[in-house]
PDB file of N, CA and C in Angstrom:
ATOM      1  N   MET A   1       0.831  -1.192   0.000  1.00  0.00           N
ATOM      2  CA  MET A   1       0.000   0.000   0.000  1.00  0.00           C
ATOM      3  C   MET A   1       0.874   1.254   0.000  1.00  0.00           C
ATOM      4  N   ASP A   2       1.914   1.281   0.845  1.00  0.00           N
ATOM      5  CA  ASP A   2       2.805   2.437   0.870  1.00  0.00           C
ATOM      6  C   ASP A   2       3.476   2.636  -0.481  1.00  0.00           C
ATOM      7  N   GLN A   3       3.804   1.517  -1.132  1.00  0.00           N
ATOM      8  CA  GLN A   3       4.439   1.605  -2.450  1.00  0.00           C
ATOM      9  C   GLN A   3       3.479   2.232  -3.458  1.00  0.00           C
ATOM     10  N   GLU A   4       2.183   1.864  -3.373  1.00  0.00           N
ATOM     11  CA  GLU A   4       1.190   2.436  -4.283  1.00  0.00           C
ATOM     12  C   GLU A   4       1.079   3.941  -4.080  1.00  0.00           C
ATOM     13  N   LEU A   5       1.033   4.373  -2.816  1.00  0.00           N
ATOM     14  CA  LEU A   5       0.949   5.807  -2.535  1.00  0.00           C
ATOM     15  C   LEU A   5       2.195   6.526  -3.023  1.00  0.00           C
ATOM     16  N   GLY A   6       3.339   5.892  -2.832  1.00  0.00           N
ATOM     17  CA  GLY A   6       4.587   6.486  -3.308  1.00  0.00           C
ATOM     18  C   GLY A   6       4.578   6.640  -4.815  1.00  0.00           C
ATOM     19  N   ASP A   7       4.089   5.611  -5.527  1.00  0.00           N
ATOM     20  CA  ASP A   7       4.005   5.675  -6.983  1.00  0.00           C
ATOM     21  C   ASP A   7       3.048   6.778  -7.427  1.00  0.00           C
ATOM     22  N   GLN A   8       1.908   6.900  -6.734  1.00  0.00           N
ATOM     23  CA  GLN A   8       0.940   7.938  -7.086  1.00  0.00           C
ATOM     24  C   GLN A   8       1.536   9.324  -6.872  1.00  0.00           C
ATOM     25  N   ASN A   9       2.236   9.517  -5.762  1.00  0.00           N
ATOM     26  CA  ASN A   9       2.867  10.809  -5.498  1.00  0.00           C
ATOM     27  C   ASN A   9       3.915  11.131  -6.550  1.00  0.00           C
ATOM     28  N   PHE A  10       4.680  10.119  -6.954  1.00  0.00           N
ATOM     29  CA  PHE A  10       5.693  10.316  -7.983  1.00  0.00           C
ATOM     30  C   PHE A  10       5.040  10.725  -9.298  1.00  0.00           C
ATOM     31  N   ASP A  11       3.936  10.056  -9.637  1.00  0.00           N
ATOM     32  CA  ASP A  11       3.217  10.403 -10.865  1.00  0.00           C
ATOM     33  C   ASP A  11       2.705  11.834 -10.809  1.00  0.00           C
ATOM     34  N   LEU A  12       2.186  12.246  -9.658  1.00  0.00           N
ATOM     35  CA  LEU A  12       1.690  13.616  -9.513  1.00  0.00           C
ATOM     36  C   LEU A  12       2.822  14.627  -9.645  1.00  0.00           C
ATOM     37  N   GLU A  13       3.979  14.301  -9.085  1.00  0.00           N
ATOM     38  CA  GLU A  13       5.126  15.196  -9.199  1.00  0.00           C
ATOM     39  C   GLU A  13       5.550  15.332 -10.657  1.00  0.00           C
ATOM     40  N   LYS A  14       5.551  14.221 -11.388  1.00  0.00           N
ATOM     41  CA  LYS A  14       5.926  14.269 -12.800  1.00  0.00           C
ATOM     42  C   LYS A  14       4.938  15.128 -13.576  1.00  0.00           C
ATOM     43  N   LYS A  15       3.645  14.971 -13.283  1.00  0.00           N
ATOM     44  CA  LYS A  15       2.631  15.755 -13.982  1.00  0.00           C
ATOM     45  C   LYS A  15       2.776  17.237 -13.661  1.00  0.00           C
ATOM     46  N   SER A  16       3.047  17.552 -12.398  1.00  0.00           N
ATOM     47  CA  SER A  16       3.160  18.964 -12.025  1.00  0.00           C
ATOM     48  C   SER A  16       4.402  19.597 -12.638  1.00  0.00           C
ATOM     49  N   GLU A  17       5.469  18.825 -12.798  1.00  0.00           N
ATOM     50  CA  GLU A  17       6.669  19.353 -13.448  1.00  0.00           C
ATOM     51  C   GLU A  17       6.382  19.706 -14.895  1.00  0.00           C
ATOM     52  N   ASN A  18       5.559  18.916 -15.553  1.00  0.00           N
ATOM     53  CA  ASN A  18       5.249  19.137 -16.958  1.00  0.00           C
ATOM     54  C   ASN A  18       4.092  20.104 -17.162  1.00  0.00           C
ATOM     55  N   SER A  19       3.459  20.541 -16.090  1.00  0.00           N
ATOM     56  CA  SER A  19       2.263  21.373 -16.246  1.00  0.00           C
ATOM     57  C   SER A  19       2.594  22.781 -16.719  1.00  0.00           C
ATOM     58  N   PHE A  20       3.851  23.158 -16.678  1.00  0.00           N
ATOM     59  CA  PHE A  20       4.233  24.486 -17.130  1.00  0.00           C
ATOM     60  C   PHE A  20       4.842  24.427 -18.524  1.00  0.00           C
ATOM     61  N   ALA A  21       4.295  23.568 -19.353  1.00  0.00           N
ATOM     62  CA  ALA A  21       4.736  23.500 -20.735  1.00  0.00           C
ATOM     63  C   ALA A  21       4.353  24.804 -21.423  1.00  0.00           C
ATOM     64  N   VAL A  22       4.936  25.052 -22.568  1.00  0.00           N
ATOM     65  CA  VAL A  22       4.719  26.319 -23.274  1.00  0.00           C
ATOM     66  C   VAL A  22       3.244  26.572 -23.535  1.00  0.00           C
ATOM     67  N   GLY A  23       2.503  25.575 -23.961  1.00  0.00           N
ATOM     68  CA  GLY A  23       1.076  25.756 -24.232  1.00  0.00           C
ATOM     69  C   GLY A  23       0.313  26.180 -22.995  1.00  0.00           C
ATOM     70  N   ASP A  24       0.614  25.553 -21.870  1.00  0.00           N
ATOM     71  CA  ASP A  24      -0.043  25.917 -20.623  1.00  0.00           C
ATOM     72  C   ASP A  24       0.328  27.330 -20.207  1.00  0.00           C
ATOM     73  N   TYR A  25       1.593  27.675 -20.391  1.00  0.00           N
ATOM     74  CA  TYR A  25       2.074  29.011 -20.033  1.00  0.00           C
ATOM     75  C   TYR A  25       1.372  30.069 -20.875  1.00  0.00           C
ATOM     76  N   ASP A  26       1.283  29.846 -22.187  1.00  0.00           N
ATOM     77  CA  ASP A  26       0.586  30.781 -23.073  1.00  0.00           C
ATOM     78  C   ASP A  26      -0.886  30.860 -22.721  1.00  0.00           C
ATOM     79  N   SER A  27      -1.480  29.721 -22.423  1.00  0.00           N
ATOM     80  CA  SER A  27      -2.891  29.686 -22.054  1.00  0.00           C
ATOM     81  C   SER A  27      -3.124  30.479 -20.775  1.00  0.00           C
ATOM     82  N   TYR A  28      -2.223  30.354 -19.834  1.00  0.00           N
ATOM     83  CA  TYR A  28      -2.320  31.090 -18.571  1.00  0.00           C
ATOM     84  C   TYR A  28      -2.334  32.591 -18.839  1.00  0.00           C
ATOM     85  N   TRP A  29      -1.397  33.069 -19.650  1.00  0.00           N
ATOM     86  CA  TRP A  29      -1.323  34.509 -19.928  1.00  0.00           C
ATOM     87  C   TRP A  29      -2.490  34.969 -20.779  1.00  0.00           C
ATOM     88  N   GLU A  30      -2.992  34.104 -21.635  1.00  0.00           N
ATOM     89  CA  GLU A  30      -4.187  34.453 -22.414  1.00  0.00           C
ATOM     90  C   GLU A  30      -5.376  34.640 -21.477  1.00  0.00           C
ATOM     91  N   GLN A  31      -5.501  33.790 -20.477  1.00  0.00           N
ATOM     92  CA  GLN A  31      -6.577  33.949 -19.494  1.00  0.00           C
ATOM     93  C   GLN A  31      -6.421  35.262 -18.735  1.00  0.00           C
ATOM     94  N   ILE A  32      -5.189  35.616 -18.394  1.00  0.00           N
ATOM     95  CA  ILE A  32      -4.928  36.886 -17.705  1.00  0.00           C
ATOM     96  C   ILE A  32      -5.365  38.051 -18.587  1.00  0.00           C
ATOM     97  N   ARG A  33      -5.006  38.005 -19.866  1.00  0.00           N
ATOM     98  CA  ARG A  33      -5.397  39.080 -20.792  1.00  0.00           C
ATOM     99  C   ARG A  33      -6.909  39.184 -20.899  1.00  0.00           C
ATOM    100  N   ARG A  34      -7.578  38.053 -20.988  1.00  0.00           N
ATOM    101  CA  ARG A  34      -9.043  38.071 -21.080  1.00  0.00           C
ATOM    102  C   ARG A  34      -9.673  38.650 -19.817  1.00  0.00           C
ATOM    103  N   LEU A  35      -9.150  38.269 -18.662  1.00  0.00           N
ATOM    104  CA  LEU A  35      -9.669  38.810 -17.405  1.00  0.00           C
ATOM    105  C   LEU A  35      -9.429  40.310 -17.314  1.00  0.00           C
ATOM    106  N   ASP A  36      -8.267  40.762 -17.789  1.00  0.00           N
ATOM    107  CA  ASP A  36      -7.988  42.201 -17.804  1.00  0.00           C
ATOM    108  C   ASP A  36      -8.984  42.939 -18.688  1.00  0.00           C
ATOM    109  N   LYS A  37      -9.256  42.387 -19.868  1.00  0.00           N
ATOM    110  CA  LYS A  37     -10.220  43.018 -20.776  1.00  0.00           C
ATOM    111  C   LYS A  37     -11.611  43.035 -20.163  1.00  0.00           C
ATOM    112  N   LYS A  38     -11.974  41.939 -19.515  1.00  0.00           N
ATOM    113  CA  LYS A  38     -13.286  41.866 -18.871  1.00  0.00           C
ATOM    114  C   LYS A  38     -13.388  42.906 -17.759  1.00  0.00           C
ATOM    115  N   ALA A  39     -12.330  43.048 -16.975  1.00  0.00           N
ATOM    116  CA  ALA A  39     -12.323  44.035 -15.890  1.00  0.00           C
ATOM    117  C   ALA A  39     -12.410  45.452 -16.450  1.00  0.00           C
ATOM    118  N   GLU A  40     -11.687  45.721 -17.538  1.00  0.00           N
ATOM    119  CA  GLU A  40     -11.755  47.039 -18.172  1.00  0.00           C
ATOM    120  C   GLU A  40     -13.165  47.320 -18.666  1.00  0.00           C
ATOM    121  N   PHE A  41     -13.786  46.334 -19.286  1.00  0.00           N
ATOM    122  CA  PHE A  41     -15.146  46.493 -19.789  1.00  0.00           C
ATOM    123  C   PHE A  41     -16.114  46.774 -18.644  1.00  0.00           C
ATOM    124  N   GLN A  42     -15.993  46.011 -17.569  1.00  0.00           N
ATOM    125  CA  GLN A  42     -16.875  46.213 -16.417  1.00  0.00           C
ATOM    126  C   GLN A  42     -16.670  47.595 -15.808  1.00  0.00           C
ATOM    127  N   GLN A  43     -15.436  48.068 -15.803  1.00  0.00           N
ATOM    128  CA  GLN A  43     -15.153  49.404 -15.289  1.00  0.00           C
ATOM    129  C   GLN A  43     -15.811  50.458 -16.179  1.00  0.00           C
ATOM    130  N   LEU A  44     -15.757  50.277 -17.492  1.00  0.00           N
ATOM    131  CA  LEU A  44     -16.410  51.209 -18.412  1.00  0.00           C
ATOM    132  C   LEU A  44     -17.919  51.214 -18.222  1.00  0.00           C
ATOM    133  N   VAL A  45     -18.498  50.048 -18.027  1.00  0.00           N
ATOM    134  CA  VAL A  45     -19.944  49.957 -17.808  1.00  0.00           C
ATOM    135  C   VAL A  45     -20.326  50.690 -16.529  1.00  0.00           C
ATOM    136  N   ARG A  46     -19.556  50.494 -15.466  1.00  0.00           N
ATOM    137  CA  ARG A  46     -19.834  51.210 -14.204  1.00  0.00           C
ATOM    138  C   ARG A  46     -19.730  52.713 -14.400  1.00  0.00           C
ATOM    139  N   ARG A  47     -18.716  53.159 -15.151  1.00  0.00           N
ATOM    140  CA  ARG A  47     -18.543  54.598 -15.395  1.00  0.00           C
ATOM    141  C   ARG A  47     -19.711  55.152 -16.206  1.00  0.00           C
ATOM    142  N   MET A  48     -20.167  54.401 -17.196  1.00  0.00           N
ATOM    143  CA  MET A  48     -21.320  54.840 -17.992  1.00  0.00           C
ATOM    144  C   MET A  48     -22.553  54.988 -17.113  1.00  0.00           C
ATOM    145  N   LYS A  49     -22.764  54.050 -16.215  1.00  0.00           N
ATOM    146  CA  LYS A  49     -23.909  54.131 -15.305  1.00  0.00           C
ATOM    147  C   LYS A  49     -23.792  55.346 -14.401  1.00  0.00           C
ATOM    148  N   GLN A  50     -22.572  55.629 -13.931  1.00  0.00           N
ATOM    149  CA  GLN A  50     -22.364  56.819 -13.106  1.00  0.00           C
ATOM    150  C   GLN A  50     -22.701  58.083 -13.886  1.00  0.00           C
ATOM    151  N   LEU A  51     -22.248  58.149 -15.127  1.00  0.00           N
ATOM    152  CA  LEU A  51     -22.526  59.323 -15.956  1.00  0.00           C
ATOM    153  C   LEU A  51     -24.017  59.472 -16.221  1.00  0.00           C
ATOM    154  N   GLU A  52     -24.698  58.363 -16.452  1.00  0.00           N
ATOM    155  CA  GLU A  52     -26.150  58.418 -16.652  1.00  0.00           C
ATOM    156  C   GLU A  52     -26.844  58.924 -15.396  1.00  0.00           C
ATOM    157  N   ASP A  53     -26.388  58.460 -14.238  1.00  0.00           N
ATOM    158  CA  ASP A  53     -26.962  58.927 -12.970  1.00  0.00           C
ATOM    159  C   ASP A  53     -26.717  60.423 -12.786  1.00  0.00           C
ATOM    160  N   GLU A  54     -25.493  60.860 -13.090  1.00  0.00           N
ATOM    161  CA  GLU A  54     -25.170  62.283 -12.966  1.00  0.00           C
ATOM    162  C   GLU A  54     -26.016  63.115 -13.924  1.00  0.00           C
ATOM    163  N   ARG A  55     -26.194  62.625 -15.135  1.00  0.00           N
ATOM    164  CA  ARG A  55     -27.009  63.340 -16.117  1.00  0.00           C
ATOM    165  C   ARG A  55     -28.445  63.453 -15.632  1.00  0.00           C
ATOM    166  N   GLU A  56     -28.955  62.399 -15.033  1.00  0.00           N
ATOM    167  CA  GLU A  56     -30.323  62.420 -14.513  1.00  0.00           C
ATOM    168  C   GLU A  56     -30.448  63.426 -13.372  1.00  0.00           C
ATOM    169  N   ILE A  57     -29.449  63.497 -12.524  1.00  0.00           N
ATOM    170  CA  ILE A  57     -29.462  64.475 -11.427  1.00  0.00           C
ATOM    171  C   ILE A  57     -29.461  65.895 -11.990  1.00  0.00           C
ATOM    172  N   ILE A  58     -28.621  66.139 -12.980  1.00  0.00           N
ATOM    173  CA  ILE A  58     -28.571  67.467 -13.608  1.00  0.00           C
ATOM    174  C   ILE A  58     -29.905  67.791 -14.255  1.00  0.00           C
ATOM    175  N   ARG A  59     -30.485  66.812 -14.920  1.00  0.00           N
ATOM    176  CA  ARG A  59     -31.783  67.004 -15.569  1.00  0.00           C
ATOM    177  C   ARG A  59     -32.841  67.385 -14.531  1.00  0.00           C
ATOM    178  N   GLN A  60     -32.827  66.705 -13.405  1.00  0.00           N
ATOM    179  CA  GLN A  60     -33.792  67.010 -12.342  1.00  0.00           C
ATOM    180  C   GLN A  60     -33.553  68.403 -11.769  1.00  0.00           C
ATOM    181  N   ASP A  61     -32.282  68.789 -11.639  1.00  0.00           N
ATOM    182  CA  ASP A  61     -31.956  70.126 -11.134  1.00  0.00           C
ATOM    183  C   ASP A  61     -32.413  71.215 -12.103  1.00  0.00           C
ATOM    184  N   ASN A  62     -32.462  70.888 -13.388  1.00  0.00           N
ATOM    185  CA  ASN A  62     -32.889  71.852 -14.405  1.00  0.00           C
ATOM    186  C   ASN A  62     -34.389  71.797 -14.654  1.00  0.00           C
ATOM    187  N   GLY A  63     -35.105  71.147 -13.816  1.00  0.00           N
ATOM    188  CA  GLY A  63     -36.554  71.068 -13.969  1.00  0.00           C
ATOM    189  C   GLY A  63     -36.999  70.090 -15.032  1.00  0.00           C
ATOM    190  N   GLY A  64     -36.194  69.089 -15.295  1.00  0.00           N
ATOM    191  CA  GLY A  64     -36.577  68.050 -16.242  1.00  0.00           C
ATOM    192  C   GLY A  64     -36.285  68.376 -17.687  1.00  0.00           C
ATOM    193  N   LYS A  65     -35.630  69.509 -17.954  1.00  0.00           N
ATOM    194  CA  LYS A  65     -35.301  69.883 -19.337  1.00  0.00           C
ATOM    195  C   LYS A  65     -34.114  69.066 -19.817  1.00  0.00           C
ATOM    196  N   LYS A  66     -34.174  68.660 -21.087  1.00  0.00           N
ATOM    197  CA  LYS A  66     -33.048  67.942 -21.681  1.00  0.00           C
ATOM    198  C   LYS A  66     -32.016  68.949 -22.142  1.00  0.00           C
ATOM    199  N   ASN A  67     -30.749  68.607 -21.946  1.00  0.00           N
ATOM    200  CA  ASN A  67     -29.660  69.491 -22.397  1.00  0.00           C
ATOM    201  C   ASN A  67     -29.156  69.069 -23.739  1.00  0.00           C
TER     202      ASN A  67
END
């Protein structure tokens, strides 16, 4: 049983050593780039909502007139 566990651990170590192959590395950075783009997009959406809220406040201050 101990030998089986030792073999399994060795196999896991071999797999983890190979997990940083070039394809995995590129895939990792591609995921980072996608997350960055998603975060930028979400930030833009939040800013647009803020601007819409500010515009509505200004509109209300002007008695509902459109600028």
